[in-house]
Amino acid sequence: MTEGKRRAPEELEAAMLSALENNSSPTASQVLDAAGRLLDRILQSDCESRASALDLLTVDALMTHALEIANGDPESFEVFSEQAMRRIASAG
């Protein structure tokens, strides 16, 4: 799931894949959508418990992954990153 030299811990990888509905080759927009859905779900629940930690880490990892994918197209990266930040800022 994650690109680069380091892989995420297995549990985080599994949570990311689950949020992506087992899509192992998503687009940046699909990853952003998955992060947004998960964040909305977290914010609608009691996210103060320790059980929410993995979900919050998953949102963070999905956002990072979406930006990594989008970075592959420098011409649209700035627009995508701005869109991503607005989407997350308006969650909840």
PDB file of N, CA and C in Angstrom:
ATOM      1  N   MET A   1       0.817  -1.182   0.000  1.00  0.00           N
ATOM      2  CA  MET A   1       0.000   0.000   0.000  1.00  0.00           C
ATOM      3  C   MET A   1       0.861   1.246   0.000  1.00  0.00           C
ATOM      4  N   THR A   2       1.711   1.392   0.992  1.00  0.00           N
ATOM      5  CA  THR A   2       2.545   2.591   1.031  1.00  0.00           C
ATOM      6  C   THR A   2       3.752   2.407   0.132  1.00  0.00           C
ATOM      7  N   GLU A   3       4.155   3.509  -0.477  1.00  0.00           N
ATOM      8  CA  GLU A   3       5.299   3.462  -1.367  1.00  0.00           C
ATOM      9  C   GLU A   3       6.512   3.989  -0.621  1.00  0.00           C
ATOM     10  N   GLY A   4       7.665   3.714  -1.161  1.00  0.00           N
ATOM     11  CA  GLY A   4       8.879   4.205  -0.529  1.00  0.00           C
ATOM     12  C   GLY A   4       9.612   3.073   0.141  1.00  0.00           C
ATOM     13  N   LYS A   5      10.586   3.433   0.955  1.00  0.00           N
ATOM     14  CA  LYS A   5      11.463   2.441   1.563  1.00  0.00           C
ATOM     15  C   LYS A   5      10.826   1.731   2.747  1.00  0.00           C
ATOM     16  N   ARG A   6       9.976   2.416   3.478  1.00  0.00           N
ATOM     17  CA  ARG A   6       9.380   1.825   4.675  1.00  0.00           C
ATOM     18  C   ARG A   6       7.929   1.466   4.426  1.00  0.00           C
ATOM     19  N   ARG A   7       7.522   0.366   5.009  1.00  0.00           N
ATOM     20  CA  ARG A   7       6.126  -0.040   4.942  1.00  0.00           C
ATOM     21  C   ARG A   7       5.480   0.280   6.285  1.00  0.00           C
ATOM     22  N   ALA A   8       4.197   0.524   6.214  1.00  0.00           N
ATOM     23  CA  ALA A   8       3.447   0.755   7.449  1.00  0.00           C
ATOM     24  C   ALA A   8       3.304  -0.563   8.197  1.00  0.00           C
ATOM     25  N   PRO A   9       3.071  -0.508   9.500  1.00  0.00           N
ATOM     26  CA  PRO A   9       2.821  -1.742  10.250  1.00  0.00           C
ATOM     27  C   PRO A   9       1.632  -2.494   9.641  1.00  0.00           C
ATOM     28  N   GLU A  10       1.653  -3.808   9.781  1.00  0.00           N
ATOM     29  CA  GLU A  10       0.615  -4.652   9.170  1.00  0.00           C
ATOM     30  C   GLU A  10      -0.799  -4.205   9.509  1.00  0.00           C
ATOM     31  N   GLU A  11      -1.042  -3.897  10.775  1.00  0.00           N
ATOM     32  CA  GLU A  11      -2.388  -3.512  11.196  1.00  0.00           C
ATOM     33  C   GLU A  11      -2.846  -2.229  10.499  1.00  0.00           C
ATOM     34  N   LEU A  12      -1.926  -1.282  10.312  1.00  0.00           N
ATOM     35  CA  LEU A  12      -2.253  -0.044   9.614  1.00  0.00           C
ATOM     36  C   LEU A  12      -2.472  -0.306   8.137  1.00  0.00           C
ATOM     37  N   GLU A  13      -1.638  -1.132   7.535  1.00  0.00           N
ATOM     38  CA  GLU A  13      -1.825  -1.503   6.125  1.00  0.00           C
ATOM     39  C   GLU A  13      -3.201  -2.124   5.917  1.00  0.00           C
ATOM     40  N   ALA A  14      -3.586  -3.034   6.822  1.00  0.00           N
ATOM     41  CA  ALA A  14      -4.882  -3.707   6.713  1.00  0.00           C
ATOM     42  C   ALA A  14      -6.028  -2.703   6.858  1.00  0.00           C
ATOM     43  N   ALA A  15      -5.886  -1.759   7.780  1.00  0.00           N
ATOM     44  CA  ALA A  15      -6.924  -0.751   7.988  1.00  0.00           C
ATOM     45  C   ALA A  15      -7.056   0.154   6.762  1.00  0.00           C
ATOM     46  N   MET A  16      -5.940   0.491   6.150  1.00  0.00           N
ATOM     47  CA  MET A  16      -5.975   1.319   4.941  1.00  0.00           C
ATOM     48  C   MET A  16      -6.667   0.574   3.807  1.00  0.00           C
ATOM     49  N   LEU A  17      -6.298  -0.680   3.629  1.00  0.00           N
ATOM     50  CA  LEU A  17      -6.897  -1.480   2.561  1.00  0.00           C
ATOM     51  C   LEU A  17      -8.395  -1.653   2.792  1.00  0.00           C
ATOM     52  N   SER A  18      -8.784  -1.840   4.030  1.00  0.00           N
ATOM     53  CA  SER A  18     -10.200  -1.963   4.362  1.00  0.00           C
ATOM     54  C   SER A  18     -10.938  -0.660   4.040  1.00  0.00           C
ATOM     55  N   ALA A  19     -10.359   0.473   4.398  1.00  0.00           N
ATOM     56  CA  ALA A  19     -10.979   1.771   4.101  1.00  0.00           C
ATOM     57  C   ALA A  19     -11.106   1.988   2.597  1.00  0.00           C
ATOM     58  N   LEU A  20     -10.191   1.392   1.855  1.00  0.00           N
ATOM     59  CA  LEU A  20     -10.204   1.505   0.398  1.00  0.00           C
ATOM     60  C   LEU A  20     -11.029   0.396  -0.252  1.00  0.00           C
ATOM     61  N   GLU A  21     -11.761  -0.359   0.572  1.00  0.00           N
ATOM     62  CA  GLU A  21     -12.604  -1.459   0.083  1.00  0.00           C
ATOM     63  C   GLU A  21     -11.800  -2.433  -0.759  1.00  0.00           C
ATOM     64  N   ASN A  22     -10.597  -2.755  -0.271  1.00  0.00           N
ATOM     65  CA  ASN A  22      -9.675  -3.717  -0.878  1.00  0.00           C
ATOM     66  C   ASN A  22      -9.181  -3.327  -2.266  1.00  0.00           C
ATOM     67  N   ASN A  23      -9.242  -2.053  -2.601  1.00  0.00           N
ATOM     68  CA  ASN A  23      -8.695  -1.556  -3.865  1.00  0.00           C
ATOM     69  C   ASN A  23      -7.198  -1.337  -3.654  1.00  0.00           C
ATOM     70  N   SER A  24      -6.382  -2.198  -4.228  1.00  0.00           N
ATOM     71  CA  SER A  24      -4.936  -2.107  -4.001  1.00  0.00           C
ATOM     72  C   SER A  24      -4.222  -1.141  -4.949  1.00  0.00           C
ATOM     73  N   SER A  25      -4.938  -0.573  -5.909  1.00  0.00           N
ATOM     74  CA  SER A  25      -4.340   0.397  -6.831  1.00  0.00           C
ATOM     75  C   SER A  25      -5.257   1.605  -7.009  1.00  0.00           C
ATOM     76  N   PRO A  26      -5.557   2.301  -5.921  1.00  0.00           N
ATOM     77  CA  PRO A  26      -6.494   3.421  -6.014  1.00  0.00           C
ATOM     78  C   PRO A  26      -5.858   4.673  -6.608  1.00  0.00           C
ATOM     79  N   THR A  27      -6.707   5.540  -7.096  1.00  0.00           N
ATOM     80  CA  THR A  27      -6.263   6.856  -7.534  1.00  0.00           C
ATOM     81  C   THR A  27      -6.151   7.750  -6.302  1.00  0.00           C
ATOM     82  N   ALA A  28      -5.528   8.894  -6.469  1.00  0.00           N
ATOM     83  CA  ALA A  28      -5.408   9.836  -5.354  1.00  0.00           C
ATOM     84  C   ALA A  28      -6.791  10.259  -4.868  1.00  0.00           C
ATOM     85  N   SER A  29      -7.712  10.470  -5.782  1.00  0.00           N
ATOM     86  CA  SER A  29      -9.076  10.876  -5.404  1.00  0.00           C
ATOM     87  C   SER A  29      -9.794   9.777  -4.632  1.00  0.00           C
ATOM     88  N   GLN A  30      -9.588   8.537  -5.010  1.00  0.00           N
ATOM     89  CA  GLN A  30     -10.213   7.424  -4.294  1.00  0.00           C
ATOM     90  C   GLN A  30      -9.661   7.310  -2.875  1.00  0.00           C
ATOM     91  N   VAL A  31      -8.373   7.553  -2.713  1.00  0.00           N
ATOM     92  CA  VAL A  31      -7.767   7.501  -1.386  1.00  0.00           C
ATOM     93  C   VAL A  31      -8.284   8.665  -0.540  1.00  0.00           C
ATOM     94  N   LEU A  32      -8.379   9.837  -1.136  1.00  0.00           N
ATOM     95  CA  LEU A  32      -8.925  10.995  -0.431  1.00  0.00           C
ATOM     96  C   LEU A  32     -10.367  10.733  -0.009  1.00  0.00           C
ATOM     97  N   ASP A  33     -11.163  10.156  -0.885  1.00  0.00           N
ATOM     98  CA  ASP A  33     -12.554   9.829  -0.546  1.00  0.00           C
ATOM     99  C   ASP A  33     -12.612   8.862   0.631  1.00  0.00           C
ATOM    100  N   ALA A  34     -11.755   7.851   0.627  1.00  0.00           N
ATOM    101  CA  ALA A  34     -11.722   6.875   1.723  1.00  0.00           C
ATOM    102  C   ALA A  34     -11.343   7.556   3.039  1.00  0.00           C
ATOM    103  N   ALA A  35     -10.362   8.441   2.992  1.00  0.00           N
ATOM    104  CA  ALA A  35      -9.956   9.178   4.201  1.00  0.00           C
ATOM    105  C   ALA A  35     -11.103  10.045   4.705  1.00  0.00           C
ATOM    106  N   GLY A  36     -11.789  10.689   3.799  1.00  0.00           N
ATOM    107  CA  GLY A  36     -12.917  11.542   4.177  1.00  0.00           C
ATOM    108  C   GLY A  36     -14.048  10.755   4.810  1.00  0.00           C
ATOM    109  N   ARG A  37     -14.385   9.611   4.223  1.00  0.00           N
ATOM    110  CA  ARG A  37     -15.445   8.764   4.785  1.00  0.00           C
ATOM    111  C   ARG A  37     -15.078   8.289   6.190  1.00  0.00           C
ATOM    112  N   LEU A  38     -13.833   7.853   6.354  1.00  0.00           N
ATOM    113  CA  LEU A  38     -13.400   7.359   7.651  1.00  0.00           C
ATOM    114  C   LEU A  38     -13.383   8.485   8.683  1.00  0.00           C
ATOM    115  N   LEU A  39     -12.901   9.645   8.299  1.00  0.00           N
ATOM    116  CA  LEU A  39     -12.873  10.777   9.226  1.00  0.00           C
ATOM    117  C   LEU A  39     -14.291  11.173   9.631  1.00  0.00           C
ATOM    118  N   ASP A  40     -15.213  11.195   8.683  1.00  0.00           N
ATOM    119  CA  ASP A  40     -16.604  11.509   9.012  1.00  0.00           C
ATOM    120  C   ASP A  40     -17.154  10.504  10.017  1.00  0.00           C
ATOM    121  N   ARG A  41     -16.861   9.230   9.807  1.00  0.00           N
ATOM    122  CA  ARG A  41     -17.333   8.185  10.723  1.00  0.00           C
ATOM    123  C   ARG A  41     -16.741   8.379  12.121  1.00  0.00           C
ATOM    124  N   ILE A  42     -15.466   8.700  12.179  1.00  0.00           N
ATOM    125  CA  ILE A  42     -14.810   8.921  13.469  1.00  0.00           C
ATOM    126  C   ILE A  42     -15.448  10.099  14.199  1.00  0.00           C
ATOM    127  N   LEU A  43     -15.656  11.183  13.482  1.00  0.00           N
ATOM    128  CA  LEU A  43     -16.185  12.393  14.099  1.00  0.00           C
ATOM    129  C   LEU A  43     -17.638  12.251  14.543  1.00  0.00           C
ATOM    130  N   GLN A  44     -18.354  11.296  13.970  1.00  0.00           N
ATOM    131  CA  GLN A  44     -19.740  11.049  14.367  1.00  0.00           C
ATOM    132  C   GLN A  44     -19.830  10.096  15.554  1.00  0.00           C
ATOM    133  N   SER A  45     -18.695   9.545  15.945  1.00  0.00           N
ATOM    134  CA  SER A  45     -18.678   8.609  17.071  1.00  0.00           C
ATOM    135  C   SER A  45     -17.935   9.231  18.247  1.00  0.00           C
ATOM    136  N   ASP A  46     -17.834   8.468  19.306  1.00  0.00           N
ATOM    137  CA  ASP A  46     -17.072   8.904  20.470  1.00  0.00           C
ATOM    138  C   ASP A  46     -15.601   8.610  20.192  1.00  0.00           C
ATOM    139  N   CYS A  47     -14.920   9.564  19.586  1.00  0.00           N
ATOM    140  CA  CYS A  47     -13.542   9.320  19.164  1.00  0.00           C
ATOM    141  C   CYS A  47     -12.527   9.607  20.266  1.00  0.00           C
ATOM    142  N   GLU A  48     -12.982   9.674  21.489  1.00  0.00           N
ATOM    143  CA  GLU A  48     -12.069   9.931  22.591  1.00  0.00           C
ATOM    144  C   GLU A  48     -11.511   8.655  23.193  1.00  0.00           C
ATOM    145  N   SER A  49     -11.971   7.519  22.710  1.00  0.00           N
ATOM    146  CA  SER A  49     -11.487   6.260  23.264  1.00  0.00           C
ATOM    147  C   SER A  49     -10.199   5.835  22.564  1.00  0.00           C
ATOM    148  N   ARG A  50      -9.499   4.976  23.204  1.00  0.00           N
ATOM    149  CA  ARG A  50      -8.240   4.473  22.661  1.00  0.00           C
ATOM    150  C   ARG A  50      -8.455   3.678  21.373  1.00  0.00           C
ATOM    151  N   ALA A  51      -9.649   3.088  21.245  1.00  0.00           N
ATOM    152  CA  ALA A  51      -9.960   2.300  20.057  1.00  0.00           C
ATOM    153  C   ALA A  51      -9.957   3.158  18.785  1.00  0.00           C
ATOM    154  N   SER A  52     -10.130   4.445  18.921  1.00  0.00           N
ATOM    155  CA  SER A  52     -10.142   5.339  17.759  1.00  0.00           C
ATOM    156  C   SER A  52      -8.749   5.641  17.233  1.00  0.00           C
ATOM    157  N   ALA A  53      -7.735   5.288  17.979  1.00  0.00           N
ATOM    158  CA  ALA A  53      -6.365   5.634  17.590  1.00  0.00           C
ATOM    159  C   ALA A  53      -5.998   5.062  16.226  1.00  0.00           C
ATOM    160  N   LEU A  54      -6.319   3.791  15.986  1.00  0.00           N
ATOM    161  CA  LEU A  54      -5.984   3.190  14.696  1.00  0.00           C
ATOM    162  C   LEU A  54      -6.738   3.881  13.568  1.00  0.00           C
ATOM    163  N   ASP A  55      -8.006   4.218  13.804  1.00  0.00           N
ATOM    164  CA  ASP A  55      -8.771   4.919  12.773  1.00  0.00           C
ATOM    165  C   ASP A  55      -8.153   6.280  12.464  1.00  0.00           C
ATOM    166  N   LEU A  56      -7.744   7.004  13.488  1.00  0.00           N
ATOM    167  CA  LEU A  56      -7.123   8.317  13.270  1.00  0.00           C
ATOM    168  C   LEU A  56      -5.791   8.184  12.542  1.00  0.00           C
ATOM    169  N   LEU A  57      -5.006   7.186  12.900  1.00  0.00           N
ATOM    170  CA  LEU A  57      -3.746   6.932  12.194  1.00  0.00           C
ATOM    171  C   LEU A  57      -4.005   6.539  10.743  1.00  0.00           C
ATOM    172  N   THR A  58      -5.088   5.809  10.530  1.00  0.00           N
ATOM    173  CA  THR A  58      -5.430   5.387   9.170  1.00  0.00           C
ATOM    174  C   THR A  58      -5.796   6.587   8.316  1.00  0.00           C
ATOM    175  N   VAL A  59      -6.566   7.513   8.859  1.00  0.00           N
ATOM    176  CA  VAL A  59      -6.901   8.732   8.115  1.00  0.00           C
ATOM    177  C   VAL A  59      -5.624   9.475   7.741  1.00  0.00           C
ATOM    178  N   ASP A  60      -4.726   9.613   8.698  1.00  0.00           N
ATOM    179  CA  ASP A  60      -3.455  10.291   8.447  1.00  0.00           C
ATOM    180  C   ASP A  60      -2.663   9.581   7.348  1.00  0.00           C
ATOM    181  N   ALA A  61      -2.584   8.270   7.432  1.00  0.00           N
ATOM    182  CA  ALA A  61      -1.831   7.498   6.435  1.00  0.00           C
ATOM    183  C   ALA A  61      -2.492   7.580   5.060  1.00  0.00           C
ATOM    184  N   LEU A  62      -3.820   7.562   5.024  1.00  0.00           N
ATOM    185  CA  LEU A  62      -4.521   7.681   3.741  1.00  0.00           C
ATOM    186  C   LEU A  62      -4.284   9.048   3.117  1.00  0.00           C
ATOM    187  N   MET A  63      -4.323  10.096   3.926  1.00  0.00           N
ATOM    188  CA  MET A  63      -4.053  11.441   3.393  1.00  0.00           C
ATOM    189  C   MET A  63      -2.642  11.527   2.821  1.00  0.00           C
ATOM    190  N   THR A  64      -1.692  10.993   3.562  1.00  0.00           N
ATOM    191  CA  THR A  64      -0.307  10.992   3.084  1.00  0.00           C
ATOM    192  C   THR A  64      -0.203  10.217   1.772  1.00  0.00           C
ATOM    193  N   HIS A  65      -0.853   9.064   1.727  1.00  0.00           N
ATOM    194  CA  HIS A  65      -0.800   8.227   0.523  1.00  0.00           C
ATOM    195  C   HIS A  65      -1.456   8.938  -0.668  1.00  0.00           C
ATOM    196  N   ALA A  66      -2.574   9.601  -0.436  1.00  0.00           N
ATOM    197  CA  ALA A  66      -3.241  10.343  -1.508  1.00  0.00           C
ATOM    198  C   ALA A  66      -2.316  11.416  -2.077  1.00  0.00           C
ATOM    199  N   LEU A  67      -1.638  12.129  -1.195  1.00  0.00           N
ATOM    200  CA  LEU A  67      -0.713  13.174  -1.653  1.00  0.00           C
ATOM    201  C   LEU A  67       0.492  12.588  -2.370  1.00  0.00           C
ATOM    202  N   GLU A  68       0.950  11.424  -1.922  1.00  0.00           N
ATOM    203  CA  GLU A  68       2.062  10.752  -2.615  1.00  0.00           C
ATOM    204  C   GLU A  68       1.655  10.366  -4.037  1.00  0.00           C
ATOM    205  N   ILE A  69       0.444   9.821  -4.175  1.00  0.00           N
ATOM    206  CA  ILE A  69      -0.040   9.433  -5.502  1.00  0.00           C
ATOM    207  C   ILE A  69      -0.187  10.670  -6.382  1.00  0.00           C
ATOM    208  N   ALA A  70      -0.816  11.714  -5.843  1.00  0.00           N
ATOM    209  CA  ALA A  70      -1.036  12.939  -6.612  1.00  0.00           C
ATOM    210  C   ALA A  70       0.268  13.601  -7.011  1.00  0.00           C
ATOM    211  N   ASN A  71       1.293  13.441  -6.197  1.00  0.00           N
ATOM    212  CA  ASN A  71       2.590  14.033  -6.491  1.00  0.00           C
ATOM    213  C   ASN A  71       3.188  13.475  -7.781  1.00  0.00           C
ATOM    214  N   GLY A  72       2.689  12.338  -8.231  1.00  0.00           N
ATOM    215  CA  GLY A  72       3.162  11.758  -9.488  1.00  0.00           C
ATOM    216  C   GLY A  72       2.795  12.600 -10.704  1.00  0.00           C
ATOM    217  N   ASP A  73       1.869  13.534 -10.541  1.00  0.00           N
ATOM    218  CA  ASP A  73       1.460  14.430 -11.618  1.00  0.00           C
ATOM    219  C   ASP A  73       1.654  15.866 -11.130  1.00  0.00           C
ATOM    220  N   PRO A  74       2.871  16.392 -11.280  1.00  0.00           N
ATOM    221  CA  PRO A  74       3.188  17.724 -10.741  1.00  0.00           C
ATOM    222  C   PRO A  74       2.258  18.837 -11.217  1.00  0.00           C
ATOM    223  N   GLU A  75       1.690  18.701 -12.416  1.00  0.00           N
ATOM    224  CA  GLU A  75       0.819  19.754 -12.930  1.00  0.00           C
ATOM    225  C   GLU A  75      -0.474  19.876 -12.136  1.00  0.00           C
ATOM    226  N   SER A  76      -0.983  18.769 -11.621  1.00  0.00           N
ATOM    227  CA  SER A  76      -2.246  18.822 -10.886  1.00  0.00           C
ATOM    228  C   SER A  76      -2.061  18.694  -9.375  1.00  0.00           C
ATOM    229  N   PHE A  77      -0.822  18.509  -8.914  1.00  0.00           N
ATOM    230  CA  PHE A  77      -0.590  18.291  -7.486  1.00  0.00           C
ATOM    231  C   PHE A  77      -1.068  19.452  -6.632  1.00  0.00           C
ATOM    232  N   GLU A  78      -0.773  20.674  -7.027  1.00  0.00           N
ATOM    233  CA  GLU A  78      -1.149  21.830  -6.217  1.00  0.00           C
ATOM    234  C   GLU A  78      -2.661  21.923  -6.065  1.00  0.00           C
ATOM    235  N   VAL A  79      -3.379  21.701  -7.153  1.00  0.00           N
ATOM    236  CA  VAL A  79      -4.840  21.744  -7.106  1.00  0.00           C
ATOM    237  C   VAL A  79      -5.367  20.622  -6.221  1.00  0.00           C
ATOM    238  N   PHE A  80      -4.818  19.424  -6.386  1.00  0.00           N
ATOM    239  CA  PHE A  80      -5.269  18.286  -5.584  1.00  0.00           C
ATOM    240  C   PHE A  80      -4.980  18.505  -4.108  1.00  0.00           C
ATOM    241  N   SER A  81      -3.797  18.968  -3.770  1.00  0.00           N
ATOM    242  CA  SER A  81      -3.443  19.143  -2.362  1.00  0.00           C
ATOM    243  C   SER A  81      -4.334  20.194  -1.707  1.00  0.00           C
ATOM    244  N   GLU A  82      -4.672  21.240  -2.439  1.00  0.00           N
ATOM    245  CA  GLU A  82      -5.575  22.258  -1.916  1.00  0.00           C
ATOM    246  C   GLU A  82      -6.969  21.672  -1.694  1.00  0.00           C
ATOM    247  N   GLN A  83      -7.426  20.879  -2.651  1.00  0.00           N
ATOM    248  CA  GLN A  83      -8.722  20.212  -2.544  1.00  0.00           C
ATOM    249  C   GLN A  83      -8.738  19.264  -1.328  1.00  0.00           C
ATOM    250  N   ALA A  84      -7.668  18.538  -1.147  1.00  0.00           N
ATOM    251  CA  ALA A  84      -7.566  17.578  -0.045  1.00  0.00           C
ATOM    252  C   ALA A  84      -7.640  18.297   1.304  1.00  0.00           C
ATOM    253  N   MET A  85      -6.916  19.380   1.444  1.00  0.00           N
ATOM    254  CA  MET A  85      -6.907  20.106   2.703  1.00  0.00           C
ATOM    255  C   MET A  85      -8.275  20.723   3.001  1.00  0.00           C
ATOM    256  N   ARG A  86      -8.922  21.247   1.976  1.00  0.00           N
ATOM    257  CA  ARG A  86     -10.272  21.801   2.174  1.00  0.00           C
ATOM    258  C   ARG A  86     -11.251  20.719   2.608  1.00  0.00           C
ATOM    259  N   ARG A  87     -11.149  19.569   1.978  1.00  0.00           N
ATOM    260  CA  ARG A  87     -12.062  18.464   2.301  1.00  0.00           C
ATOM    261  C   ARG A  87     -11.899  18.021   3.751  1.00  0.00           C
ATOM    262  N   ILE A  88     -10.677  17.850   4.181  1.00  0.00           N
ATOM    263  CA  ILE A  88     -10.443  17.405   5.550  1.00  0.00           C
ATOM    264  C   ILE A  88     -10.845  18.510   6.551  1.00  0.00           C
ATOM    265  N   ALA A  89     -10.557  19.752   6.212  1.00  0.00           N
ATOM    266  CA  ALA A  89     -10.899  20.859   7.107  1.00  0.00           C
ATOM    267  C   ALA A  89     -12.400  20.994   7.286  1.00  0.00           C
ATOM    268  N   SER A  90     -13.182  20.592   6.298  1.00  0.00           N
ATOM    269  CA  SER A  90     -14.639  20.728   6.391  1.00  0.00           C
ATOM    270  C   SER A  90     -15.318  19.484   6.948  1.00  0.00           C
ATOM    271  N   ALA A  91     -14.552  18.481   7.307  1.00  0.00           N
ATOM    272  CA  ALA A  91     -15.129  17.223   7.826  1.00  0.00           C
ATOM    273  C   ALA A  91     -15.854  17.451   9.137  1.00  0.00           C
ATOM    274  N   GLY A  92     -16.853  16.631   9.327  1.00  0.00           N
ATOM    275  CA  GLY A  92     -17.572  16.645  10.598  1.00  0.00           C
ATOM    276  C   GLY A  92     -18.753  17.512  10.540  1.00  0.00           C
TER     277      GLY A  92
END
